[in-house]
Amino acid sequence: MNDAPATDDLVLSLAEPHWQKSAMIIARALERLAEAAPGAAPEGGAETVARSLRHLVETNRLEARGDLSNWRSSEVRLPPAE
């Protein structure tokens, strides 16, 4: 999977206004990708989704708490509406 904007859109579609574990978002994204293309593993797999997650945090489209390199202990959410 080389389409970073599509991965970003997928991650954003799974994000909620409440905090969720990064690992959960990554796992759910991989499930969605597998449903869309059975038998075809996305190029880069979980690392690709994790890069998208970090990119979305860096561009303020998601908020994070904790170390995003530690998927089990970090959390992300949609920014609160202003």
PDB file of N, CA and C in Angstrom:
ATOM      1  N   MET A   1       0.852  -1.181   0.000  1.00  0.00           N
ATOM      2  CA  MET A   1       0.000   0.000   0.000  1.00  0.00           C
ATOM      3  C   MET A   1       0.892   1.236   0.000  1.00  0.00           C
ATOM      4  N   ASN A   2       0.851   1.992  -1.040  1.00  0.00           N
ATOM      5  CA  ASN A   2       1.696   3.169  -1.165  1.00  0.00           C
ATOM      6  C   ASN A   2       0.923   4.456  -1.023  1.00  0.00           C
ATOM      7  N   ASP A   3      -0.356   4.384  -0.829  1.00  0.00           N
ATOM      8  CA  ASP A   3      -1.189   5.579  -0.844  1.00  0.00           C
ATOM      9  C   ASP A   3      -1.311   6.167   0.559  1.00  0.00           C
ATOM     10  N   ALA A   4      -0.359   7.030   0.936  1.00  0.00           N
ATOM     11  CA  ALA A   4      -0.357   7.620   2.278  1.00  0.00           C
ATOM     12  C   ALA A   4      -1.633   8.399   2.581  1.00  0.00           C
ATOM     13  N   PRO A   5      -2.157   9.225   1.656  1.00  0.00           N
ATOM     14  CA  PRO A   5      -3.410   9.932   1.964  1.00  0.00           C
ATOM     15  C   PRO A   5      -4.569   8.974   2.258  1.00  0.00           C
ATOM     16  N   ALA A   6      -4.625   7.853   1.557  1.00  0.00           N
ATOM     17  CA  ALA A   6      -5.689   6.882   1.821  1.00  0.00           C
ATOM     18  C   ALA A   6      -5.518   6.269   3.206  1.00  0.00           C
ATOM     19  N   THR A   7      -4.277   6.002   3.598  1.00  0.00           N
ATOM     20  CA  THR A   7      -4.022   5.461   4.933  1.00  0.00           C
ATOM     21  C   THR A   7      -4.378   6.499   5.990  1.00  0.00           C
ATOM     22  N   ASP A   8      -4.019   7.751   5.752  1.00  0.00           N
ATOM     23  CA  ASP A   8      -4.387   8.825   6.682  1.00  0.00           C
ATOM     24  C   ASP A   8      -5.901   8.897   6.834  1.00  0.00           C
ATOM     25  N   ASP A   9      -6.617   8.841   5.722  1.00  0.00           N
ATOM     26  CA  ASP A   9      -8.080   8.897   5.764  1.00  0.00           C
ATOM     27  C   ASP A   9      -8.654   7.724   6.545  1.00  0.00           C
ATOM     28  N   LEU A  10      -8.084   6.544   6.354  1.00  0.00           N
ATOM     29  CA  LEU A  10      -8.549   5.369   7.085  1.00  0.00           C
ATOM     30  C   LEU A  10      -8.332   5.553   8.582  1.00  0.00           C
ATOM     31  N   VAL A  11      -7.152   5.989   8.968  1.00  0.00           N
ATOM     32  CA  VAL A  11      -6.850   6.197  10.393  1.00  0.00           C
ATOM     33  C   VAL A  11      -7.799   7.237  10.981  1.00  0.00           C
ATOM     34  N   LEU A  12      -8.005   8.332  10.273  1.00  0.00           N
ATOM     35  CA  LEU A  12      -8.925   9.366  10.766  1.00  0.00           C
ATOM     36  C   LEU A  12     -10.345   8.835  10.907  1.00  0.00           C
ATOM     37  N   SER A  13     -10.755   7.944  10.013  1.00  0.00           N
ATOM     38  CA  SER A  13     -12.114   7.393  10.097  1.00  0.00           C
ATOM     39  C   SER A  13     -12.292   6.512  11.329  1.00  0.00           C
ATOM     40  N   LEU A  14     -11.200   6.001  11.860  1.00  0.00           N
ATOM     41  CA  LEU A  14     -11.257   5.134  13.040  1.00  0.00           C
ATOM     42  C   LEU A  14     -11.080   5.902  14.348  1.00  0.00           C
ATOM     43  N   ALA A  15     -10.586   7.114  14.260  1.00  0.00           N
ATOM     44  CA  ALA A  15     -10.339   7.919  15.458  1.00  0.00           C
ATOM     45  C   ALA A  15     -11.653   8.430  16.037  1.00  0.00           C
ATOM     46  N   GLU A  16     -11.637   8.653  17.329  1.00  0.00           N
ATOM     47  CA  GLU A  16     -12.808   9.130  18.068  1.00  0.00           C
ATOM     48  C   GLU A  16     -12.402  10.366  18.875  1.00  0.00           C
ATOM     49  N   PRO A  17     -13.377  11.094  19.414  1.00  0.00           N
ATOM     50  CA  PRO A  17     -13.043  12.233  20.275  1.00  0.00           C
ATOM     51  C   PRO A  17     -12.454  11.804  21.629  1.00  0.00           C
ATOM     52  N   HIS A  18     -12.664  10.537  22.020  1.00  0.00           N
ATOM     53  CA  HIS A  18     -12.098  10.052  23.286  1.00  0.00           C
ATOM     54  C   HIS A  18     -10.785   9.317  23.007  1.00  0.00           C
ATOM     55  N   TRP A  19      -9.959   9.220  24.022  1.00  0.00           N
ATOM     56  CA  TRP A  19      -8.654   8.578  23.878  1.00  0.00           C
ATOM     57  C   TRP A  19      -8.813   7.099  23.574  1.00  0.00           C
ATOM     58  N   GLN A  20      -8.013   6.618  22.622  1.00  0.00           N
ATOM     59  CA  GLN A  20      -7.961   5.200  22.264  1.00  0.00           C
ATOM     60  C   GLN A  20      -6.496   4.786  22.152  1.00  0.00           C
ATOM     61  N   LYS A  21      -6.203   3.561  22.514  1.00  0.00           N
ATOM     62  CA  LYS A  21      -4.839   3.056  22.390  1.00  0.00           C
ATOM     63  C   LYS A  21      -4.420   3.069  20.922  1.00  0.00           C
ATOM     64  N   SER A  22      -3.191   3.489  20.693  1.00  0.00           N
ATOM     65  CA  SER A  22      -2.651   3.488  19.330  1.00  0.00           C
ATOM     66  C   SER A  22      -2.686   2.085  18.735  1.00  0.00           C
ATOM     67  N   ALA A  23      -2.382   1.083  19.549  1.00  0.00           N
ATOM     68  CA  ALA A  23      -2.389  -0.301  19.069  1.00  0.00           C
ATOM     69  C   ALA A  23      -3.765  -0.697  18.547  1.00  0.00           C
ATOM     70  N   MET A  24      -4.818  -0.219  19.192  1.00  0.00           N
ATOM     71  CA  MET A  24      -6.175  -0.547  18.756  1.00  0.00           C
ATOM     72  C   MET A  24      -6.471   0.084  17.400  1.00  0.00           C
ATOM     73  N   ILE A  25      -6.088   1.326  17.223  1.00  0.00           N
ATOM     74  CA  ILE A  25      -6.306   2.001  15.940  1.00  0.00           C
ATOM     75  C   ILE A  25      -5.545   1.271  14.835  1.00  0.00           C
ATOM     76  N   ILE A  26      -4.297   0.908  15.106  1.00  0.00           N
ATOM     77  CA  ILE A  26      -3.481   0.215  14.112  1.00  0.00           C
ATOM     78  C   ILE A  26      -4.104  -1.132  13.765  1.00  0.00           C
ATOM     79  N   ALA A  27      -4.522  -1.888  14.770  1.00  0.00           N
ATOM     80  CA  ALA A  27      -5.131  -3.198  14.520  1.00  0.00           C
ATOM     81  C   ALA A  27      -6.422  -3.067  13.719  1.00  0.00           C
ATOM     82  N   ARG A  28      -7.251  -2.105  14.075  1.00  0.00           N
ATOM     83  CA  ARG A  28      -8.509  -1.920  13.351  1.00  0.00           C
ATOM     84  C   ARG A  28      -8.262  -1.482  11.911  1.00  0.00           C
ATOM     85  N   ALA A  29      -7.252  -0.657  11.698  1.00  0.00           N
ATOM     86  CA  ALA A  29      -6.912  -0.235  10.332  1.00  0.00           C
ATOM     87  C   ALA A  29      -6.464  -1.438   9.506  1.00  0.00           C
ATOM     88  N   LEU A  30      -5.646  -2.295  10.085  1.00  0.00           N
ATOM     89  CA  LEU A  30      -5.196  -3.487   9.367  1.00  0.00           C
ATOM     90  C   LEU A  30      -6.365  -4.417   9.057  1.00  0.00           C
ATOM     91  N   GLU A  31      -7.316  -4.534   9.979  1.00  0.00           N
ATOM     92  CA  GLU A  31      -8.515  -5.345   9.725  1.00  0.00           C
ATOM     93  C   GLU A  31      -9.301  -4.788   8.547  1.00  0.00           C
ATOM     94  N   ARG A  32      -9.491  -3.473   8.529  1.00  0.00           N
ATOM     95  CA  ARG A  32     -10.226  -2.840   7.423  1.00  0.00           C
ATOM     96  C   ARG A  32      -9.519  -3.062   6.094  1.00  0.00           C
ATOM     97  N   LEU A  33      -8.201  -2.929   6.101  1.00  0.00           N
ATOM     98  CA  LEU A  33      -7.429  -3.141   4.874  1.00  0.00           C
ATOM     99  C   LEU A  33      -7.555  -4.584   4.399  1.00  0.00           C
ATOM    100  N   ALA A  34      -7.536  -5.533   5.338  1.00  0.00           N
ATOM    101  CA  ALA A  34      -7.676  -6.944   4.984  1.00  0.00           C
ATOM    102  C   ALA A  34      -9.067  -7.237   4.433  1.00  0.00           C
ATOM    103  N   GLU A  35     -10.089  -6.596   4.988  1.00  0.00           N
ATOM    104  CA  GLU A  35     -11.454  -6.774   4.481  1.00  0.00           C
ATOM    105  C   GLU A  35     -11.579  -6.231   3.061  1.00  0.00           C
ATOM    106  N   ALA A  36     -10.902  -5.119   2.793  1.00  0.00           N
ATOM    107  CA  ALA A  36     -10.986  -4.481   1.478  1.00  0.00           C
ATOM    108  C   ALA A  36     -10.243  -5.281   0.413  1.00  0.00           C
ATOM    109  N   ALA A  37      -9.183  -5.955   0.807  1.00  0.00           N
ATOM    110  CA  ALA A  37      -8.379  -6.730  -0.142  1.00  0.00           C
ATOM    111  C   ALA A  37      -7.961  -8.044   0.511  1.00  0.00           C
ATOM    112  N   PRO A  38      -8.896  -9.019   0.591  1.00  0.00           N
ATOM    113  CA  PRO A  38      -8.581 -10.289   1.249  1.00  0.00           C
ATOM    114  C   PRO A  38      -7.336 -10.948   0.648  1.00  0.00           C
ATOM    115  N   GLY A  39      -6.463 -11.406   1.541  1.00  0.00           N
ATOM    116  CA  GLY A  39      -5.262 -12.103   1.110  1.00  0.00           C
ATOM    117  C   GLY A  39      -4.112 -11.204   0.711  1.00  0.00           C
ATOM    118  N   ALA A  40      -4.348  -9.914   0.635  1.00  0.00           N
ATOM    119  CA  ALA A  40      -3.284  -8.984   0.246  1.00  0.00           C
ATOM    120  C   ALA A  40      -2.871  -8.164   1.461  1.00  0.00           C
ATOM    121  N   ALA A  41      -1.705  -8.454   1.985  1.00  0.00           N
ATOM    122  CA  ALA A  41      -1.208  -7.691   3.136  1.00  0.00           C
ATOM    123  C   ALA A  41      -0.759  -6.318   2.657  1.00  0.00           C
ATOM    124  N   PRO A  42      -1.102  -5.275   3.393  1.00  0.00           N
ATOM    125  CA  PRO A  42      -0.661  -3.941   2.980  1.00  0.00           C
ATOM    126  C   PRO A  42       0.858  -3.833   3.050  1.00  0.00           C
ATOM    127  N   GLU A  43       1.440  -3.148   2.095  1.00  0.00           N
ATOM    128  CA  GLU A  43       2.886  -2.953   2.078  1.00  0.00           C
ATOM    129  C   GLU A  43       3.305  -2.200   3.335  1.00  0.00           C
ATOM    130  N   GLY A  44       4.203  -2.780   4.102  1.00  0.00           N
ATOM    131  CA  GLY A  44       4.655  -2.134   5.328  1.00  0.00           C
ATOM    132  C   GLY A  44       3.806  -2.476   6.533  1.00  0.00           C
ATOM    133  N   GLY A  45       2.617  -2.999   6.324  1.00  0.00           N
ATOM    134  CA  GLY A  45       1.753  -3.440   7.403  1.00  0.00           C
ATOM    135  C   GLY A  45       1.540  -2.423   8.502  1.00  0.00           C
ATOM    136  N   ALA A  46       1.713  -2.880   9.734  1.00  0.00           N
ATOM    137  CA  ALA A  46       1.450  -2.045  10.901  1.00  0.00           C
ATOM    138  C   ALA A  46       2.355  -0.820  10.942  1.00  0.00           C
ATOM    139  N   GLU A  47       3.582  -0.952  10.461  1.00  0.00           N
ATOM    140  CA  GLU A  47       4.505   0.195  10.467  1.00  0.00           C
ATOM    141  C   GLU A  47       3.986   1.322   9.576  1.00  0.00           C
ATOM    142  N   THR A  48       3.362   0.962   8.457  1.00  0.00           N
ATOM    143  CA  THR A  48       2.790   1.974   7.565  1.00  0.00           C
ATOM    144  C   THR A  48       1.675   2.729   8.266  1.00  0.00           C
ATOM    145  N   VAL A  49       0.822   2.005   8.962  1.00  0.00           N
ATOM    146  CA  VAL A  49      -0.277   2.640   9.687  1.00  0.00           C
ATOM    147  C   VAL A  49       0.275   3.492  10.829  1.00  0.00           C
ATOM    148  N   ALA A  50       1.290   3.000  11.523  1.00  0.00           N
ATOM    149  CA  ALA A  50       1.897   3.765  12.619  1.00  0.00           C
ATOM    150  C   ALA A  50       2.525   5.061  12.106  1.00  0.00           C
ATOM    151  N   ARG A  51       3.162   5.008  10.935  1.00  0.00           N
ATOM    152  CA  ARG A  51       3.718   6.238  10.347  1.00  0.00           C
ATOM    153  C   ARG A  51       2.610   7.238  10.050  1.00  0.00           C
ATOM    154  N   SER A  52       1.496   6.738   9.551  1.00  0.00           N
ATOM    155  CA  SER A  52       0.356   7.610   9.276  1.00  0.00           C
ATOM    156  C   SER A  52      -0.146   8.246  10.569  1.00  0.00           C
ATOM    157  N   LEU A  53      -0.233   7.457  11.617  1.00  0.00           N
ATOM    158  CA  LEU A  53      -0.670   7.959  12.919  1.00  0.00           C
ATOM    159  C   LEU A  53       0.251   9.088  13.390  1.00  0.00           C
ATOM    160  N   ARG A  54       1.557   8.868  13.306  1.00  0.00           N
ATOM    161  CA  ARG A  54       2.522   9.907  13.708  1.00  0.00           C
ATOM    162  C   ARG A  54       2.376  11.155  12.841  1.00  0.00           C
ATOM    163  N   HIS A  55       2.213  10.958  11.541  1.00  0.00           N
ATOM    164  CA  HIS A  55       2.043  12.099  10.626  1.00  0.00           C
ATOM    165  C   HIS A  55       0.805  12.911  11.003  1.00  0.00           C
ATOM    166  N   LEU A  56      -0.284  12.236  11.312  1.00  0.00           N
ATOM    167  CA  LEU A  56      -1.524  12.932  11.670  1.00  0.00           C
ATOM    168  C   LEU A  56      -1.363  13.709  12.975  1.00  0.00           C
ATOM    169  N   VAL A  57      -0.585  13.183  13.901  1.00  0.00           N
ATOM    170  CA  VAL A  57      -0.309  13.905  15.147  1.00  0.00           C
ATOM    171  C   VAL A  57       0.583  15.117  14.857  1.00  0.00           C
ATOM    172  N   GLU A  58       1.613  14.913  14.049  1.00  0.00           N
ATOM    173  CA  GLU A  58       2.539  16.013  13.722  1.00  0.00           C
ATOM    174  C   GLU A  58       1.841  17.152  12.985  1.00  0.00           C
ATOM    175  N   THR A  59       0.793  16.837  12.234  1.00  0.00           N
ATOM    176  CA  THR A  59       0.061  17.863  11.479  1.00  0.00           C
ATOM    177  C   THR A  59      -1.197  18.324  12.216  1.00  0.00           C
ATOM    178  N   ASN A  60      -1.296  17.961  13.499  1.00  0.00           N
ATOM    179  CA  ASN A  60      -2.389  18.395  14.382  1.00  0.00           C
ATOM    180  C   ASN A  60      -3.771  17.925  13.950  1.00  0.00           C
ATOM    181  N   ARG A  61      -3.826  16.838  13.195  1.00  0.00           N
ATOM    182  CA  ARG A  61      -5.131  16.279  12.836  1.00  0.00           C
ATOM    183  C   ARG A  61      -5.586  15.265  13.878  1.00  0.00           C
ATOM    184  N   LEU A  62      -4.637  14.789  14.694  1.00  0.00           N
ATOM    185  CA  LEU A  62      -4.911  13.950  15.853  1.00  0.00           C
ATOM    186  C   LEU A  62      -4.086  14.479  17.011  1.00  0.00           C
ATOM    187  N   GLU A  63      -4.551  14.206  18.227  1.00  0.00           N
ATOM    188  CA  GLU A  63      -3.781  14.497  19.439  1.00  0.00           C
ATOM    189  C   GLU A  63      -3.264  13.179  19.984  1.00  0.00           C
ATOM    190  N   ALA A  64      -2.125  13.244  20.650  1.00  0.00           N
ATOM    191  CA  ALA A  64      -1.541  12.032  21.222  1.00  0.00           C
ATOM    192  C   ALA A  64      -1.082  12.294  22.638  1.00  0.00           C
ATOM    193  N   ARG A  65      -1.039  11.227  23.411  1.00  0.00           N
ATOM    194  CA  ARG A  65      -0.381  11.272  24.718  1.00  0.00           C
ATOM    195  C   ARG A  65       0.405   9.975  24.863  1.00  0.00           C
ATOM    196  N   GLY A  66       1.578  10.122  25.418  1.00  0.00           N
ATOM    197  CA  GLY A  66       2.484   8.985  25.519  1.00  0.00           C
ATOM    198  C   GLY A  66       3.421   8.924  24.323  1.00  0.00           C
ATOM    199  N   ASP A  67       4.284   7.937  24.340  1.00  0.00           N
ATOM    200  CA  ASP A  67       5.287   7.734  23.293  1.00  0.00           C
ATOM    201  C   ASP A  67       4.660   6.930  22.160  1.00  0.00           C
ATOM    202  N   LEU A  68       4.465   7.570  21.011  1.00  0.00           N
ATOM    203  CA  LEU A  68       3.802   6.901  19.890  1.00  0.00           C
ATOM    204  C   LEU A  68       4.576   5.698  19.363  1.00  0.00           C
ATOM    205  N   SER A  69       5.859   5.597  19.697  1.00  0.00           N
ATOM    206  CA  SER A  69       6.603   4.414  19.266  1.00  0.00           C
ATOM    207  C   SER A  69       6.242   3.196  20.119  1.00  0.00           C
ATOM    208  N   ASN A  70       5.582   3.427  21.246  1.00  0.00           N
ATOM    209  CA  ASN A  70       5.093   2.337  22.094  1.00  0.00           C
ATOM    210  C   ASN A  70       3.579   2.269  21.916  1.00  0.00           C
ATOM    211  N   TRP A  71       3.149   1.466  20.966  1.00  0.00           N
ATOM    212  CA  TRP A  71       1.741   1.432  20.568  1.00  0.00           C
ATOM    213  C   TRP A  71       0.802   1.055  21.702  1.00  0.00           C
ATOM    214  N   ARG A  72       1.250   0.180  22.595  1.00  0.00           N
ATOM    215  CA  ARG A  72       0.358  -0.291  23.665  1.00  0.00           C
ATOM    216  C   ARG A  72       0.120   0.743  24.755  1.00  0.00           C
ATOM    217  N   SER A  73       1.070   1.646  24.931  1.00  0.00           N
ATOM    218  CA  SER A  73       0.896   2.610  26.021  1.00  0.00           C
ATOM    219  C   SER A  73       0.503   4.002  25.542  1.00  0.00           C
ATOM    220  N   SER A  74       0.626   4.277  24.254  1.00  0.00           N
ATOM    221  CA  SER A  74       0.241   5.602  23.757  1.00  0.00           C
ATOM    222  C   SER A  74      -1.223   5.604  23.338  1.00  0.00           C
ATOM    223  N   GLU A  75      -1.786   6.798  23.322  1.00  0.00           N
ATOM    224  CA  GLU A  75      -3.192   6.964  22.960  1.00  0.00           C
ATOM    225  C   GLU A  75      -3.342   8.146  22.010  1.00  0.00           C
ATOM    226  N   VAL A  76      -4.379   8.075  21.188  1.00  0.00           N
ATOM    227  CA  VAL A  76      -4.679   9.165  20.256  1.00  0.00           C
ATOM    228  C   VAL A  76      -6.170   9.464  20.291  1.00  0.00           C
ATOM    229  N   ARG A  77      -6.500  10.669  19.840  1.00  0.00           N
ATOM    230  CA  ARG A  77      -7.900  11.059  19.717  1.00  0.00           C
ATOM    231  C   ARG A  77      -8.005  12.187  18.697  1.00  0.00           C
ATOM    232  N   LEU A  78      -9.231  12.423  18.246  1.00  0.00           N
ATOM    233  CA  LEU A  78      -9.495  13.590  17.417  1.00  0.00           C
ATOM    234  C   LEU A  78      -9.386  14.819  18.301  1.00  0.00           C
ATOM    235  N   PRO A  79      -8.868  15.922  17.783  1.00  0.00           N
ATOM    236  CA  PRO A  79      -8.802  17.139  18.599  1.00  0.00           C
ATOM    237  C   PRO A  79     -10.208  17.613  18.956  1.00  0.00           C
ATOM    238  N   PRO A  80     -10.359  18.220  20.132  1.00  0.00           N
ATOM    239  CA  PRO A  80     -11.676  18.743  20.499  1.00  0.00           C
ATOM    240  C   PRO A  80     -12.114  19.833  19.524  1.00  0.00           C
ATOM    241  N   ALA A  81     -13.405  19.907  19.300  1.00  0.00           N
ATOM    242  CA  ALA A  81     -13.947  20.958  18.432  1.00  0.00           C
ATOM    243  C   ALA A  81     -13.727  22.307  19.100  1.00  0.00           C
ATOM    244  N   GLU A  82     -13.389  23.285  18.300  1.00  0.00           N
ATOM    245  CA  GLU A  82     -13.130  24.621  18.866  1.00  0.00           C
ATOM    246  C   GLU A  82     -14.340  25.499  18.757  1.00  0.00           C
TER     247      GLU A  82
END
